[in-house]
Amino acid sequence: MQHIKVLLLIILVSCTQLAISQQKIYNITNYGAKFDLKINNAASIQKAIDAASVAGGGKVLVPAGIYITGPIALKNGVELHLDDNAILMGSSKRLHYPNDQLFAISARNQKNIAITGNGIIDGNAHELMADVFKLLRAGTITDPEYLLKRPTERNRPEIISLVNCSNIVVKDVTLKNSASWVQDYTNCTDMLIDHIKVESTAYWNNDGIDLTDCKNVKVSNSFINSADDGICLKSSNKNSWCDHITITDCTIRSSASAFKLGTGSAGGFKNITARNLTVYDTYRSAIALETVDGAFIDNVDIRNITAKNTGNAIFIRLGHRNKDERYGSIKHVYISDVKADIPNTKPDIGYPIEGPAPKPLIQRNLTPAIIAGIPGHAIEDVTLENIEITYGGGGSKSIAYVNTDSLNHVKENIPGYPEFTMFGEVPSYGLYVRHTDNIKLKNIKLLLAADDFRPAFIFDDVKQVTIQGLNLPATTALPAIILNHITGSSLKELNIPADNRSIKKQ
């Protein structure tokens, strides 16, 4: 059924794109736009868009050259097409962006719209942020966090923001240098994002692609290099959710997480599929499934992931940071055919904006893959199959140590921001599972580049754990597996070297 829905989506958006492309071409230069770095062409480009929409639809052409623009709004039936060697450059003047239009390209309640072509949309973040700081120092604009951390998103324009739109195609374009999120699609339906390139490491909060409460979306054949999460699904409305989202054949580099559900998680996520993702030089998790604001996560299917030089392979977290009584849930997650390399070095070192470096006082050993609910709210029905993770190893008690006879010393951090380091020192090197129900591991292989004093697996407060097919390296750690407060277990086909064969139940 999922594959049928995706096929229908591709047919629908392809027909939409064909219908748009067959209509009249509206060259922005015919409406006054000029190849001049001192001119804001927003009004001229908007005239072309308006004319195309009024006529029933058409292609608004950005020809070769560099065209500066402030905010422009797409309209029904319009394809914004960037020709080869065309650059649509966001204005470097903060005051060109009204406070309610903090984006270069937007659409609200529109349908049959597209952004296409081999050109570039450049958010111009370096020059824009220089102007933002100039205005803040002069008191021309204000910002509550300016002197504490960095200007908030309300002073940092995005490149693309589409809300309540349908039948959308974003194809072939390059998006770069955003001052905030690169592209955010909220409550949009029937959308294809294909063969795009994102290069956005110019400033903070540069998520590559954000899909918020969207439905029937396919993201494919794309390259993402972002200072924040690469491809991120969010849910900001407790009465809505992401549904039938497919991510396939993408390459992702991130100074946060590569493929992520959450952190914003008010409503839910269901019928989420990911296939054939390549992840590299990523600071946090290759795969992160997180609900901390009351959202449900249901029916997630992730397969064929290769992660090289990445801080964490898999992180699944059910927490509770929302202030009301709603608790989230995670059910029916299948992750298979993952091959990950977790080094002893900082994976994103040398990139323009890195993830936070470890502080000397909170040094930690390498963190394992983690599946962690909270007391009274278990993560349910998770299967990991055909997983191979190579760890740098080298864990040392002199860095940090948790006695495995006192697992309650690992902090719960129930309201904490979800990331793989949120628990501090974790007392296993391969996989740490806590507060779960029905966890299945099939054909799991762990490798160590250097010895680690910790056991490979810890299961704590778990109802029913099934392991069928396990290959562990020889280490000095004894035991290899700890089962603590377990109700029901089945362990078969375990290939554990004799020197650490022990399985400890406590």
Protein backbone atom coordinates (compact mmCIF):
# COMPACT_ATOMS: atom_id res chain seq x y z
CA MET A 1 0.00 0.00 0.00
CA GLN A 2 2.84 2.40 0.87
CA HIS A 3 4.51 1.78 -2.52
CA ILE A 4 1.21 2.34 -4.35
CA LYS A 5 0.73 5.66 -2.58
CA VAL A 6 4.26 6.76 -3.52
CA LEU A 7 3.70 5.77 -7.16
CA LEU A 8 0.45 7.73 -7.28
CA LEU A 9 2.23 10.71 -5.73
CA ILE A 10 4.97 10.61 -8.38
CA ILE A 11 2.37 10.40 -11.16
CA LEU A 12 0.38 13.28 -9.66
CA VAL A 13 3.28 15.67 -9.21
CA SER A 14 4.76 14.71 -12.60
CA CYS A 15 1.49 15.55 -14.30
CA THR A 16 1.36 18.81 -12.35
CA GLN A 17 4.88 19.71 -13.44
CA LEU A 18 4.13 18.84 -17.07
CA ALA A 19 0.96 20.95 -17.07
CA ILE A 20 2.85 23.93 -15.65
CA SER A 21 5.81 23.59 -18.00
CA GLN A 22 3.58 23.54 -21.10
CA GLN A 23 2.20 26.97 -20.29
CA LYS A 24 3.58 30.40 -21.12
CA ILE A 25 7.03 31.52 -19.99
CA TYR A 26 7.28 34.73 -17.95
CA ASN A 27 10.87 35.98 -18.00
CA ILE A 28 11.52 38.13 -14.93
CA THR A 29 13.64 40.56 -16.99
CA ASN A 30 10.51 41.45 -18.97
CA TYR A 31 8.98 42.67 -15.70
CA GLY A 32 11.89 44.87 -14.70
CA ALA A 33 14.34 42.49 -13.01
CA LYS A 34 17.97 43.42 -13.60
CA PHE A 35 21.31 41.65 -13.32
CA ASP A 36 22.60 44.25 -10.85
CA LEU A 37 23.88 43.45 -7.35
CA LYS A 38 22.60 46.80 -6.03
CA ILE A 39 18.95 46.28 -7.02
CA ASN A 40 16.29 44.40 -5.03
CA ASN A 41 14.27 42.66 -7.72
CA ALA A 42 11.53 41.32 -5.42
CA ALA A 43 8.81 43.60 -6.85
CA SER A 44 9.68 42.71 -10.44
CA ILE A 45 9.80 38.98 -9.78
CA GLN A 46 6.48 39.20 -7.94
CA LYS A 47 4.91 40.92 -10.94
CA ALA A 48 5.95 38.00 -13.14
CA ILE A 49 4.57 35.48 -10.63
CA ASP A 50 1.28 37.35 -10.30
CA ALA A 51 0.90 37.62 -14.08
CA ALA A 52 1.50 33.90 -14.54
CA SER A 53 -0.97 32.95 -11.84
CA VAL A 54 -3.70 35.29 -13.08
CA ALA A 55 -3.31 33.80 -16.56
CA GLY A 56 -3.98 30.35 -15.13
CA GLY A 57 -0.41 29.27 -14.54
CA GLY A 58 2.97 29.33 -16.22
CA LYS A 59 6.72 29.23 -15.86
CA VAL A 60 8.44 32.21 -14.27
CA LEU A 61 11.96 32.15 -15.66
CA VAL A 62 15.05 33.37 -13.86
CA PRO A 63 17.63 33.57 -16.68
CA ALA A 64 21.40 33.25 -16.34
CA GLY A 65 22.87 35.90 -14.06
CA ILE A 66 22.66 37.01 -10.43
CA TYR A 67 19.39 38.57 -9.28
CA ILE A 68 19.00 40.00 -5.78
CA THR A 69 15.62 39.55 -4.15
CA GLY A 70 13.74 40.11 -0.95
CA PRO A 71 10.62 38.07 -0.12
CA ILE A 72 8.56 36.74 -3.03
CA ALA A 73 5.38 34.66 -2.84
CA LEU A 74 4.53 31.81 -5.20
CA LYS A 75 0.95 31.61 -6.45
CA ASN A 76 -1.35 28.91 -7.83
CA GLY A 77 -0.10 27.21 -10.98
CA VAL A 78 3.33 28.86 -11.02
CA GLU A 79 6.66 27.17 -11.61
CA LEU A 80 9.67 29.24 -10.58
CA HIS A 81 12.40 28.00 -12.91
CA LEU A 82 16.07 28.87 -12.53
CA ASP A 83 17.96 28.53 -15.77
CA ASP A 84 21.48 27.16 -15.98
CA ASN A 85 23.92 29.65 -14.40
CA ALA A 86 21.05 31.57 -12.78
CA ILE A 87 21.46 32.68 -9.16
CA LEU A 88 18.57 34.05 -7.13
CA MET A 89 20.37 35.78 -4.28
CA GLY A 90 18.64 36.74 -1.05
CA SER A 91 19.06 40.37 -0.10
CA SER A 92 21.79 41.14 2.43
CA LYS A 93 19.57 43.80 4.03
CA ARG A 94 17.60 42.58 7.05
CA LEU A 95 15.07 45.41 6.67
CA HIS A 96 14.14 44.08 3.23
CA TYR A 97 12.44 41.22 5.11
CA PRO A 98 9.34 42.33 7.05
CA ASN A 99 8.95 40.54 10.39
CA ASP A 100 6.10 38.45 8.97
CA GLN A 101 8.06 37.55 5.83
CA LEU A 102 11.33 36.10 7.05
CA PHE A 103 11.94 33.98 3.97
CA ALA A 104 13.09 34.55 0.43
CA ILE A 105 10.43 32.36 -1.21
CA SER A 106 7.07 31.58 0.35
CA ALA A 107 3.59 30.33 -0.42
CA ARG A 108 0.47 30.17 1.70
CA ASN A 109 -2.62 28.11 0.78
CA GLN A 110 -1.50 27.60 -2.83
CA LYS A 111 -1.58 24.56 -5.11
CA ASN A 112 0.22 23.30 -8.22
CA ILE A 113 3.47 25.14 -7.56
CA ALA A 114 7.06 24.24 -8.39
CA ILE A 115 10.65 25.38 -7.96
CA THR A 116 12.87 23.83 -10.63
CA GLY A 117 15.97 24.20 -12.75
CA ASN A 118 19.72 23.82 -12.43
CA GLY A 119 20.26 27.27 -10.95
CA ILE A 120 21.07 28.33 -7.39
CA ILE A 121 19.03 29.97 -4.65
CA ASP A 122 21.50 31.58 -2.26
CA GLY A 123 20.37 32.90 1.12
CA ASN A 124 23.46 35.13 1.33
CA ALA A 125 23.75 34.41 5.05
CA HIS A 126 27.22 35.80 5.66
CA GLU A 127 26.40 39.31 4.45
CA LEU A 128 22.87 39.17 5.79
CA MET A 129 23.98 38.26 9.31
CA ALA A 130 26.62 41.02 9.24
CA ASP A 131 23.78 43.46 8.59
CA VAL A 132 21.65 41.86 11.34
CA PHE A 133 24.41 42.41 13.90
CA LYS A 134 24.93 45.97 12.68
CA LEU A 135 21.24 46.74 13.19
CA LEU A 136 21.18 45.04 16.58
CA ARG A 137 24.14 47.07 17.82
CA ALA A 138 22.49 50.26 16.59
CA GLY A 139 19.19 49.37 18.29
CA THR A 140 17.32 49.51 14.98
CA ILE A 141 16.03 45.98 15.58
CA THR A 142 15.83 44.01 18.83
CA ASP A 143 16.27 40.39 19.79
CA PRO A 144 15.81 38.74 23.21
CA GLU A 145 18.71 36.32 22.76
CA TYR A 146 21.15 38.51 20.87
CA LEU A 147 23.53 39.01 23.80
CA LEU A 148 22.98 35.54 25.32
CA LYS A 149 23.59 33.14 22.46
CA ARG A 150 22.75 34.29 18.93
CA PRO A 151 19.91 36.15 17.20
CA THR A 152 16.70 34.12 17.18
CA GLU A 153 15.08 32.79 14.03
CA ARG A 154 12.78 35.83 13.98
CA ASN A 155 15.76 37.84 12.73
CA ARG A 156 17.17 35.17 10.40
CA PRO A 157 15.31 34.57 7.13
CA GLU A 158 14.79 31.11 5.68
CA ILE A 159 15.16 30.38 1.97
CA ILE A 160 11.86 28.53 1.35
CA SER A 161 8.72 28.47 3.50
CA LEU A 162 5.56 26.78 2.18
CA VAL A 163 2.46 26.45 4.39
CA ASN A 164 -0.86 24.71 3.64
CA CYS A 165 0.09 24.06 0.03
CA SER A 166 -0.54 21.04 -2.20
CA ASN A 167 0.80 19.47 -5.40
CA ILE A 168 4.36 20.75 -5.00
CA VAL A 169 7.52 19.95 -6.96
CA VAL A 170 11.01 21.06 -5.92
CA LYS A 171 13.51 19.63 -8.37
CA ASP A 172 17.13 20.01 -9.49
CA VAL A 173 17.87 23.31 -7.74
CA THR A 174 20.78 24.07 -5.40
CA LEU A 175 19.95 25.80 -2.10
CA LYS A 176 22.78 27.32 -0.09
CA ASN A 177 23.81 29.73 2.65
CA SER A 178 20.62 30.11 4.64
CA ALA A 179 20.64 32.19 7.82
CA SER A 180 18.16 29.74 9.39
CA TRP A 181 16.26 26.66 8.22
CA VAL A 182 16.95 26.14 4.53
CA GLN A 183 13.46 24.98 3.58
CA ASP A 184 10.41 24.38 5.73
CA TYR A 185 7.21 22.79 4.45
CA THR A 186 4.33 22.96 6.96
CA ASN A 187 1.02 21.15 6.56
CA CYS A 188 1.75 20.53 2.88
CA THR A 189 0.45 17.56 0.88
CA ASP A 190 1.36 15.69 -2.30
CA MET A 191 4.93 16.86 -2.70
CA LEU A 192 8.02 15.67 -4.58
CA ILE A 193 11.51 16.90 -3.69
CA ASP A 194 13.94 15.35 -6.14
CA HIS A 195 17.56 15.72 -7.15
CA ILE A 196 18.22 18.87 -5.16
CA LYS A 197 21.46 19.94 -3.52
CA VAL A 198 21.70 21.72 -0.19
CA GLU A 199 24.95 23.39 0.87
CA SER A 200 24.18 25.32 4.03
CA THR A 201 26.83 25.66 6.69
CA ALA A 202 26.94 29.46 6.82
CA TYR A 203 25.11 29.93 10.13
CA TRP A 204 23.24 28.07 12.89
CA ASN A 205 19.93 26.16 12.69
CA ASN A 206 20.55 25.33 9.04
CA ASP A 207 18.32 22.23 8.79
CA GLY A 208 18.60 20.92 5.23
CA ILE A 209 14.94 19.89 4.75
CA ASP A 210 12.16 20.27 7.33
CA LEU A 211 8.78 18.58 6.79
CA THR A 212 6.31 19.67 9.45
CA ASP A 213 2.95 17.87 9.66
CA CYS A 214 3.15 17.04 5.95
CA LYS A 215 1.47 14.19 4.10
CA ASN A 216 2.23 12.20 0.95
CA VAL A 217 5.79 13.38 0.37
CA LYS A 218 8.73 11.82 -1.42
CA VAL A 219 12.29 13.12 -1.03
CA SER A 220 14.72 11.42 -3.40
CA ASN A 221 18.12 11.53 -5.09
CA SER A 222 19.30 14.54 -3.12
CA PHE A 223 22.49 15.72 -1.42
CA ILE A 224 22.40 17.54 1.92
CA ASN A 225 25.32 19.23 3.67
CA SER A 226 23.94 21.18 6.61
CA ALA A 227 25.13 22.69 9.86
CA ASP A 228 22.03 21.32 11.59
CA ASP A 229 19.78 18.29 11.01
CA GLY A 230 19.93 16.98 7.46
CA ILE A 231 16.41 15.70 6.71
CA CYS A 232 14.10 16.34 9.63
CA LEU A 233 10.41 15.54 10.11
CA LYS A 234 8.65 17.67 12.69
CA SER A 235 5.15 17.94 14.16
CA SER A 236 4.18 21.29 15.66
CA ASN A 237 0.40 20.78 15.87
CA LYS A 238 -0.91 18.30 18.45
CA ASN A 239 -3.93 17.69 16.21
CA SER A 240 -1.88 16.89 13.10
CA TRP A 241 0.97 14.61 12.05
CA CYS A 242 3.39 13.61 9.31
CA ASP A 243 1.97 10.74 7.25
CA HIS A 244 3.23 8.69 4.30
CA ILE A 245 6.66 10.26 3.98
CA THR A 246 9.31 8.45 1.89
CA ILE A 247 12.99 9.38 1.89
CA THR A 248 15.12 7.51 -0.61
CA ASP A 249 18.56 7.56 -2.27
CA CYS A 250 19.95 10.60 -0.47
CA THR A 251 23.41 11.51 0.82
CA ILE A 252 23.57 13.49 4.05
CA ARG A 253 26.33 15.27 6.00
CA SER A 254 25.34 17.10 9.18
CA SER A 255 26.75 18.71 12.30
CA ALA A 256 23.63 17.42 14.07
CA SER A 257 21.64 14.31 13.01
CA ALA A 258 21.28 12.99 9.46
CA PHE A 259 17.73 11.54 9.28
CA LYS A 260 15.52 12.54 12.18
CA LEU A 261 11.94 12.48 13.44
CA GLY A 262 11.52 15.25 16.08
CA THR A 263 12.70 17.10 18.10
CA GLY A 264 9.52 19.15 17.60
CA SER A 265 6.97 16.41 18.27
CA ALA A 266 3.51 17.66 19.26
CA GLY A 267 1.24 15.57 17.02
CA GLY A 268 2.73 12.51 15.42
CA PHE A 269 4.55 10.58 12.71
CA LYS A 270 3.21 7.52 10.92
CA ASN A 271 3.96 5.50 7.82
CA ILE A 272 7.50 6.81 7.46
CA THR A 273 9.85 5.04 5.06
CA ALA A 274 13.57 5.56 4.44
CA ARG A 275 15.70 3.68 1.94
CA ASN A 276 19.27 3.83 0.66
CA LEU A 277 20.75 6.70 2.67
CA THR A 278 24.45 7.46 2.80
CA VAL A 279 25.59 9.41 5.86
CA TYR A 280 29.08 10.74 6.51
CA ASP A 281 30.98 13.15 8.80
CA THR A 282 27.88 13.57 10.95
CA TYR A 283 28.24 14.78 14.53
CA ARG A 284 25.16 13.18 16.12
CA SER A 285 23.01 10.26 14.97
CA ALA A 286 22.66 8.71 11.55
CA ILE A 287 19.08 7.74 12.50
CA ALA A 288 17.20 9.58 15.27
CA LEU A 289 13.57 8.91 16.20
CA GLU A 290 12.49 11.26 18.96
CA THR A 291 9.19 12.17 20.60
CA VAL A 292 9.36 14.42 23.65
CA ASP A 293 6.33 16.72 23.24
CA GLY A 294 3.50 14.18 23.29
CA ALA A 295 3.61 12.90 19.70
CA PHE A 296 3.10 9.32 18.56
CA ILE A 297 5.55 7.53 16.26
CA ASP A 298 3.96 4.56 14.50
CA ASN A 299 5.01 2.37 11.58
CA VAL A 300 8.54 3.46 10.68
CA ASP A 301 10.48 1.36 8.17
CA ILE A 302 14.16 2.22 7.57
CA ARG A 303 16.48 0.10 5.41
CA ASN A 304 19.86 0.23 3.71
CA ILE A 305 21.76 2.90 5.60
CA THR A 306 25.51 3.39 5.37
CA ALA A 307 26.99 5.74 7.95
CA LYS A 308 30.69 6.58 7.89
CA ASN A 309 32.47 8.69 10.49
CA THR A 310 29.33 9.38 12.54
CA GLY A 311 28.85 10.06 16.25
CA ASN A 312 26.02 7.57 16.79
CA ALA A 313 24.29 4.97 14.65
CA ILE A 314 20.72 4.71 16.01
CA PHE A 315 18.99 6.78 18.68
CA ILE A 316 15.34 6.14 19.62
CA ARG A 317 13.93 8.26 22.45
CA LEU A 318 10.56 8.67 24.13
CA GLY A 319 10.71 11.55 26.63
CA HIS A 320 8.40 14.11 28.20
CA ARG A 321 9.40 17.77 28.06
CA ASN A 322 5.91 19.13 27.29
CA LYS A 323 4.16 20.81 30.21
CA ASP A 324 0.77 19.10 29.81
CA GLU A 325 -0.16 15.52 30.70
CA ARG A 326 0.14 14.09 27.20
CA TYR A 327 2.77 11.38 26.79
CA GLY A 328 4.13 10.30 23.45
CA SER A 329 4.46 6.74 22.17
CA ILE A 330 6.74 4.80 19.84
CA LYS A 331 5.47 1.61 18.20
CA HIS A 332 6.23 -0.60 15.23
CA VAL A 333 9.72 0.46 14.18
CA TYR A 334 11.75 -1.69 11.79
CA ILE A 335 15.37 -0.80 10.98
CA SER A 336 17.50 -3.10 8.84
CA ASP A 337 20.67 -3.34 6.78
CA VAL A 338 22.61 -0.64 8.57
CA LYS A 339 26.39 -0.44 8.41
CA ALA A 340 27.89 2.26 10.61
CA ASP A 341 31.34 3.42 11.65
CA ILE A 342 31.57 5.23 15.01
CA PRO A 343 35.09 6.65 15.42
CA ASN A 344 36.96 7.86 18.47
CA THR A 345 37.38 11.27 16.86
CA LYS A 346 34.92 14.16 16.47
CA PRO A 347 33.19 13.32 13.15
CA ASP A 348 32.49 16.88 11.93
CA ILE A 349 35.72 18.55 12.97
CA GLY A 350 36.86 21.19 10.48
CA TYR A 351 33.43 22.00 9.06
CA PRO A 352 32.39 25.70 9.20
CA ILE A 353 29.93 25.18 12.07
CA GLU A 354 30.65 22.13 14.20
CA GLY A 355 28.57 20.37 16.80
CA PRO A 356 29.52 21.27 20.37
CA ALA A 357 32.89 19.96 21.46
CA PRO A 358 33.02 17.84 24.63
CA LYS A 359 33.84 19.88 27.71
CA PRO A 360 36.85 18.66 29.70
CA LEU A 361 34.75 18.11 32.82
CA ILE A 362 32.18 15.92 31.07
CA GLN A 363 34.38 13.73 28.91
CA ARG A 364 32.68 10.51 27.92
CA ASN A 365 33.42 7.19 26.35
CA LEU A 366 31.83 6.43 22.98
CA THR A 367 28.06 6.20 23.19
CA PRO A 368 26.29 3.07 21.91
CA ALA A 369 23.10 2.86 19.91
CA ILE A 370 20.25 3.68 22.29
CA ILE A 371 16.56 2.78 22.60
CA ALA A 372 15.20 4.52 25.70
CA GLY A 373 11.70 5.16 26.94
CA ILE A 374 10.80 6.46 30.40
CA PRO A 375 9.37 4.70 33.46
CA GLY A 376 5.76 3.74 32.82
CA HIS A 377 5.96 4.61 29.12
CA ALA A 378 7.76 1.92 27.16
CA ILE A 379 8.90 2.00 23.55
CA GLU A 380 7.10 -0.90 21.85
CA ASP A 381 7.80 -3.33 19.02
CA VAL A 382 11.21 -2.33 17.68
CA THR A 383 13.14 -4.66 15.38
CA LEU A 384 16.79 -4.20 14.41
CA GLU A 385 17.92 -6.61 11.71
CA ASN A 386 21.18 -7.03 9.78
CA ILE A 387 23.04 -4.32 11.67
CA GLU A 388 26.83 -3.98 11.65
CA ILE A 389 28.45 -1.27 13.76
CA THR A 390 32.19 -0.70 14.10
CA TYR A 391 33.17 1.24 17.21
CA GLY A 392 36.46 2.95 17.85
CA GLY A 393 36.46 1.38 21.30
CA GLY A 394 39.10 2.43 23.77
CA GLY A 395 36.63 2.98 26.58
CA SER A 396 38.35 3.78 29.84
CA LYS A 397 37.19 3.83 33.45
CA SER A 398 39.45 6.83 33.99
CA ILE A 399 37.19 8.88 31.70
CA ALA A 400 33.88 7.81 33.21
CA TYR A 401 32.46 4.73 34.87
CA VAL A 402 29.04 3.41 35.83
CA ASN A 403 28.90 0.26 37.94
CA THR A 404 26.70 -2.18 36.07
CA ASP A 405 25.35 -3.43 39.42
CA SER A 406 23.83 0.05 39.89
CA LEU A 407 22.16 0.81 36.57
CA ASN A 408 19.74 3.16 38.30
CA HIS A 409 22.67 5.60 38.44
CA VAL A 410 22.24 6.25 34.71
CA LYS A 411 20.13 9.38 34.69
CA GLU A 412 16.66 9.29 33.17
CA ASN A 413 16.68 12.94 32.03
CA ILE A 414 12.96 12.69 31.27
CA PRO A 415 12.43 16.34 30.16
CA GLY A 416 15.84 16.71 28.49
CA TYR A 417 16.55 17.75 24.95
CA PRO A 418 16.80 14.45 23.03
CA GLU A 419 20.24 13.57 21.73
CA PHE A 420 22.46 10.54 22.13
CA THR A 421 24.66 12.19 24.80
CA MET A 422 21.70 13.17 27.03
CA PHE A 423 22.29 10.37 29.56
CA GLY A 424 25.93 11.14 30.16
CA GLU A 425 28.06 8.02 30.54
CA VAL A 426 26.27 4.91 29.25
CA PRO A 427 27.55 1.59 30.68
CA SER A 428 27.61 -0.44 27.44
CA TYR A 429 29.55 0.10 24.24
CA GLY A 430 27.23 -1.44 21.61
CA LEU A 431 23.54 -1.08 22.49
CA TYR A 432 21.71 0.32 25.52
CA VAL A 433 18.00 -0.47 25.87
CA ARG A 434 15.79 0.79 28.71
CA HIS A 435 12.02 0.95 29.34
CA THR A 436 10.89 -1.03 26.30
CA ASP A 437 8.45 -3.76 25.35
CA ASN A 438 9.16 -6.38 22.67
CA ILE A 439 12.62 -5.66 21.27
CA LYS A 440 13.90 -7.96 18.53
CA LEU A 441 17.50 -8.15 17.36
CA LYS A 442 18.33 -10.28 14.32
CA ASN A 443 21.79 -10.78 12.84
CA ILE A 444 23.64 -8.11 14.76
CA LYS A 445 27.41 -7.73 14.42
CA LEU A 446 29.63 -5.45 16.49
CA LEU A 447 33.30 -4.70 15.84
CA LEU A 448 35.84 -2.89 18.02
CA ALA A 449 38.94 -1.08 16.79
CA ALA A 450 40.26 -1.11 20.37
CA ASP A 451 39.20 -2.88 23.55
CA ASP A 452 36.39 -1.49 25.71
CA PHE A 453 35.84 -2.33 29.36
CA ARG A 454 32.04 -2.17 29.10
CA PRO A 455 29.65 -4.97 28.15
CA ALA A 456 28.32 -4.97 24.60
CA PHE A 457 24.60 -4.88 25.44
CA ILE A 458 22.55 -3.75 28.41
CA PHE A 459 18.80 -4.32 28.64
CA ASP A 460 17.19 -2.59 31.63
CA ASP A 461 13.46 -2.73 32.43
CA VAL A 462 12.53 -4.59 29.25
CA LYS A 463 9.50 -6.78 28.59
CA GLN A 464 10.46 -9.45 26.12
CA VAL A 465 13.81 -9.21 24.36
CA THR A 466 14.56 -11.56 21.47
CA ILE A 467 18.05 -11.98 20.02
CA GLN A 468 18.57 -14.31 17.09
CA GLY A 469 22.00 -14.14 15.53
CA LEU A 470 24.66 -12.14 17.35
CA ASN A 471 28.36 -11.75 16.58
CA LEU A 472 30.52 -9.97 19.14
CA PRO A 473 34.28 -9.32 19.21
CA ALA A 474 36.62 -10.64 21.87
CA THR A 475 37.10 -8.10 24.65
CA THR A 476 38.22 -8.12 28.26
CA ALA A 477 34.71 -7.10 29.31
CA LEU A 478 32.79 -9.66 31.28
CA PRO A 479 29.85 -10.23 30.90
CA ALA A 480 28.99 -9.47 27.27
CA ILE A 481 25.26 -8.98 27.89
CA ILE A 482 23.44 -7.75 30.99
CA LEU A 483 19.72 -8.37 31.47
CA ASN A 484 18.35 -6.25 34.30
CA HIS A 485 14.68 -6.37 35.34
CA ILE A 486 13.73 -8.42 32.27
CA THR A 487 10.34 -10.07 31.74
CA GLY A 488 10.78 -12.67 29.02
CA SER A 489 13.86 -13.28 26.88
CA SER A 490 14.94 -15.52 24.00
CA LEU A 491 18.61 -15.60 23.01
CA LYS A 492 19.67 -17.84 20.12
CA GLU A 493 22.60 -18.24 17.73
CA LEU A 494 25.00 -16.18 19.82
CA ASN A 495 28.58 -16.01 18.61
CA ILE A 496 30.34 -14.62 21.66
CA PRO A 497 34.06 -15.39 22.21
CA ALA A 498 34.73 -17.66 25.16
CA ASP A 499 36.50 -15.02 27.20
CA ASN A 500 33.39 -12.90 27.49
CA ARG A 501 30.63 -15.41 26.90
CA SER A 502 28.82 -14.67 30.13
CA ILE A 503 25.28 -13.34 30.12
CA LYS A 504 24.36 -11.78 33.41
CA LYS A 505 20.81 -11.57 34.70
CA GLN A 506 20.21 -9.30 37.67
